[in-house]
C-alpha atoms as a PDB file:
ATOM      1  CA  UNK A   1       0.000   0.000   0.000  1.00  0.00           C
ATOM      2  CA  UNK A   2       1.391   3.463  -0.855  1.00  0.00           C
ATOM      3  CA  UNK A   3       2.358   5.631   2.093  1.00  0.00           C
ATOM      4  CA  UNK A   4       1.305   9.214   2.812  1.00  0.00           C
ATOM      5  CA  UNK A   5       3.148  11.266   5.410  1.00  0.00           C
ATOM      6  CA  UNK A   6       2.073  14.458   7.153  1.00  0.00           C
ATOM      7  CA  UNK A   7       3.077  16.364  10.253  1.00  0.00           C
ATOM      8  CA  UNK A   8       1.001  16.947  13.372  1.00  0.00           C
ATOM      9  CA  UNK A   9       1.706  18.581  16.690  1.00  0.00           C
ATOM     10  CA  UNK A  10       2.191  16.534  19.851  1.00  0.00           C
ATOM     11  CA  UNK A  11      -1.289  17.541  20.977  1.00  0.00           C
ATOM     12  CA  UNK A  12      -2.830  16.479  17.659  1.00  0.00           C
ATOM     13  CA  UNK A  13      -0.983  13.155  17.843  1.00  0.00           C
ATOM     14  CA  UNK A  14      -2.396  12.591  21.310  1.00  0.00           C
ATOM     15  CA  UNK A  15      -5.896  13.380  20.026  1.00  0.00           C
ATOM     16  CA  UNK A  16      -5.480  10.962  17.125  1.00  0.00           C
ATOM     17  CA  UNK A  17      -4.176   8.222  19.404  1.00  0.00           C
ATOM     18  CA  UNK A  18      -7.044   8.690  21.850  1.00  0.00           C
ATOM     19  CA  UNK A  19      -9.653   8.835  19.101  1.00  0.00           C
ATOM     20  CA  UNK A  20      -8.303   5.684  17.444  1.00  0.00           C
ATOM     21  CA  UNK A  21      -8.224   3.851  20.772  1.00  0.00           C
ATOM     22  CA  UNK A  22     -11.774   4.995  21.518  1.00  0.00           C
ATOM     23  CA  UNK A  23     -12.881   3.716  18.098  1.00  0.00           C
ATOM     24  CA  UNK A  24     -11.070   0.430  18.689  1.00  0.00           C
ATOM     25  CA  UNK A  25      -8.911   0.772  15.595  1.00  0.00           C
ATOM     26  CA  UNK A  26      -5.359   1.633  14.635  1.00  0.00           C
ATOM     27  CA  UNK A  27      -4.342   5.257  14.223  1.00  0.00           C
ATOM     28  CA  UNK A  28      -3.665   4.676  10.492  1.00  0.00           C
ATOM     29  CA  UNK A  29      -7.086   3.095   9.966  1.00  0.00           C
ATOM     30  CA  UNK A  30      -8.755   5.897  11.927  1.00  0.00           C
ATOM     31  CA  UNK A  31      -7.055   8.583   9.821  1.00  0.00           C
ATOM     32  CA  UNK A  32      -7.788   6.706   6.579  1.00  0.00           C
ATOM     33  CA  UNK A  33     -11.472   6.294   7.488  1.00  0.00           C
ATOM     34  CA  UNK A  34     -11.791   9.966   8.414  1.00  0.00           C
ATOM     35  CA  UNK A  35      -9.951  11.149   5.303  1.00  0.00           C
ATOM     36  CA  UNK A  36     -12.038   9.017   3.005  1.00  0.00           C
ATOM     37  CA  UNK A  37     -15.220   9.536   5.007  1.00  0.00           C
ATOM     38  CA  UNK A  38     -15.637   5.765   4.914  1.00  0.00           C
ATOM     39  CA  UNK A  39     -16.058   5.931   1.150  1.00  0.00           C
ATOM     40  CA  UNK A  40     -14.178   3.686  -1.243  1.00  0.00           C
ATOM     41  CA  UNK A  41     -13.409   4.448  -4.874  1.00  0.00           C
ATOM     42  CA  UNK A  42     -16.112   1.950  -5.812  1.00  0.00           C
ATOM     43  CA  UNK A  43     -18.618   3.796  -3.596  1.00  0.00           C
ATOM     44  CA  UNK A  44     -17.713   7.108  -5.243  1.00  0.00           C
ATOM     45  CA  UNK A  45     -18.028   5.659  -8.754  1.00  0.00           C
ATOM     46  CA  UNK A  46     -21.376   4.103  -7.847  1.00  0.00           C
ATOM     47  CA  UNK A  47     -22.637   7.501  -6.635  1.00  0.00           C
ATOM     48  CA  UNK A  48     -21.522   9.169  -9.847  1.00  0.00           C
ATOM     49  CA  UNK A  49     -23.058   6.408 -12.003  1.00  0.00           C
ATOM     50  CA  UNK A  50     -26.322   6.676 -10.058  1.00  0.00           C
ATOM     51  CA  UNK A  51     -26.415  10.438 -10.548  1.00  0.00           C
ATOM     52  CA  UNK A  52     -25.745  10.026 -14.275  1.00  0.00           C
ATOM     53  CA  UNK A  53     -28.648   7.553 -14.502  1.00  0.00           C
ATOM     54  CA  UNK A  54     -30.889   9.869 -12.478  1.00  0.00           C
ATOM     55  CA  UNK A  55     -30.206  12.674 -14.962  1.00  0.00           C
ATOM     56  CA  UNK A  56     -30.871  10.364 -17.936  1.00  0.00           C
ATOM     57  CA  UNK A  57     -27.610  11.431 -19.574  1.00  0.00           C
ATOM     58  CA  UNK A  58     -28.705  15.086 -19.801  1.00  0.00           C
ATOM     59  CA  UNK A  59     -25.602  16.228 -17.897  1.00  0.00           C
ATOM     60  CA  UNK A  60     -22.120  15.060 -18.931  1.00  0.00           C
ATOM     61  CA  UNK A  61     -20.504  12.582 -16.529  1.00  0.00           C
ATOM     62  CA  UNK A  62     -17.546  14.928 -15.982  1.00  0.00           C
ATOM     63  CA  UNK A  63     -19.871  17.651 -14.683  1.00  0.00           C
ATOM     64  CA  UNK A  64     -21.656  15.172 -12.416  1.00  0.00           C
ATOM     65  CA  UNK A  65     -18.320  13.898 -11.063  1.00  0.00           C
ATOM     66  CA  UNK A  66     -17.362  17.467 -10.210  1.00  0.00           C
ATOM     67  CA  UNK A  67     -20.688  18.027  -8.446  1.00  0.00           C
ATOM     68  CA  UNK A  68     -20.517  14.742  -6.498  1.00  0.00           C
ATOM     69  CA  UNK A  69     -16.956  15.535  -5.370  1.00  0.00           C
ATOM     70  CA  UNK A  70     -18.077  19.018  -4.303  1.00  0.00           C
ATOM     71  CA  UNK A  71     -20.970  17.657  -2.249  1.00  0.00           C
ATOM     72  CA  UNK A  72     -18.764  15.046  -0.573  1.00  0.00           C
ATOM     73  CA  UNK A  73     -16.147  17.681   0.291  1.00  0.00           C
ATOM     74  CA  UNK A  74     -18.747  20.109   1.635  1.00  0.00           C
ATOM     75  CA  UNK A  75     -20.327  17.357   3.709  1.00  0.00           C
ATOM     76  CA  UNK A  76     -16.932  16.403   5.144  1.00  0.00           C
ATOM     77  CA  UNK A  77     -16.132  20.051   5.876  1.00  0.00           C
ATOM     78  CA  UNK A  78     -19.420  20.702   7.618  1.00  0.00           C
ATOM     79  CA  UNK A  79     -19.026  17.544   9.705  1.00  0.00           C
ATOM     80  CA  UNK A  80     -15.788  18.984  11.110  1.00  0.00           C
ATOM     81  CA  UNK A  81     -17.847  21.724  12.740  1.00  0.00           C
ATOM     82  CA  UNK A  82     -20.443  19.263  14.004  1.00  0.00           C
ATOM     83  CA  UNK A  83     -20.266  17.809  17.496  1.00  0.00           C
ATOM     84  CA  UNK A  84     -17.310  15.490  18.063  1.00  0.00           C
ATOM     85  CA  UNK A  85     -17.772  11.840  17.302  1.00  0.00           C
ATOM     86  CA  UNK A  86     -14.807  11.088  19.538  1.00  0.00           C
ATOM     87  CA  UNK A  87     -14.394  11.057  23.283  1.00  0.00           C
ATOM     88  CA  UNK A  88     -14.709  14.693  24.366  1.00  0.00           C
ATOM     89  CA  UNK A  89     -12.300  14.163  27.249  1.00  0.00           C
ATOM     90  CA  UNK A  90      -9.562  13.399  24.710  1.00  0.00           C
ATOM     91  CA  UNK A  91     -10.563  16.190  22.319  1.00  0.00           C
ATOM     92  CA  UNK A  92      -8.952  19.604  22.606  1.00  0.00           C
ATOM     93  CA  UNK A  93     -10.885  21.104  19.680  1.00  0.00           C
ATOM     94  CA  UNK A  94     -13.651  23.548  20.407  1.00  0.00           C
ATOM     95  CA  UNK A  95     -16.629  21.640  19.065  1.00  0.00           C
ATOM     96  CA  UNK A  96     -20.133  22.952  18.618  1.00  0.00           C
ATOM     97  CA  UNK A  97     -22.452  21.542  21.294  1.00  0.00           C
END
């Protein structure tokens, strides 16, 4: 599997470790699931194909792909401001109640 590296602060690392432990998974799996929002490439392609079918081919697939990606990204962004799904005692972010 290809490797992706990024830097986090000590506090962020602690948060990730605690969140992964709380979820009962490895830190890598926790980060991967959060980054991909639990969506596989097959899931994404199925969403795009479904949207193409729903529009009966009236909108080019490339435009629908762009729209689906936008909606997924906006959903992921808005969920970051939603209440924490992780143990609040381990979370230093200021989450909305």
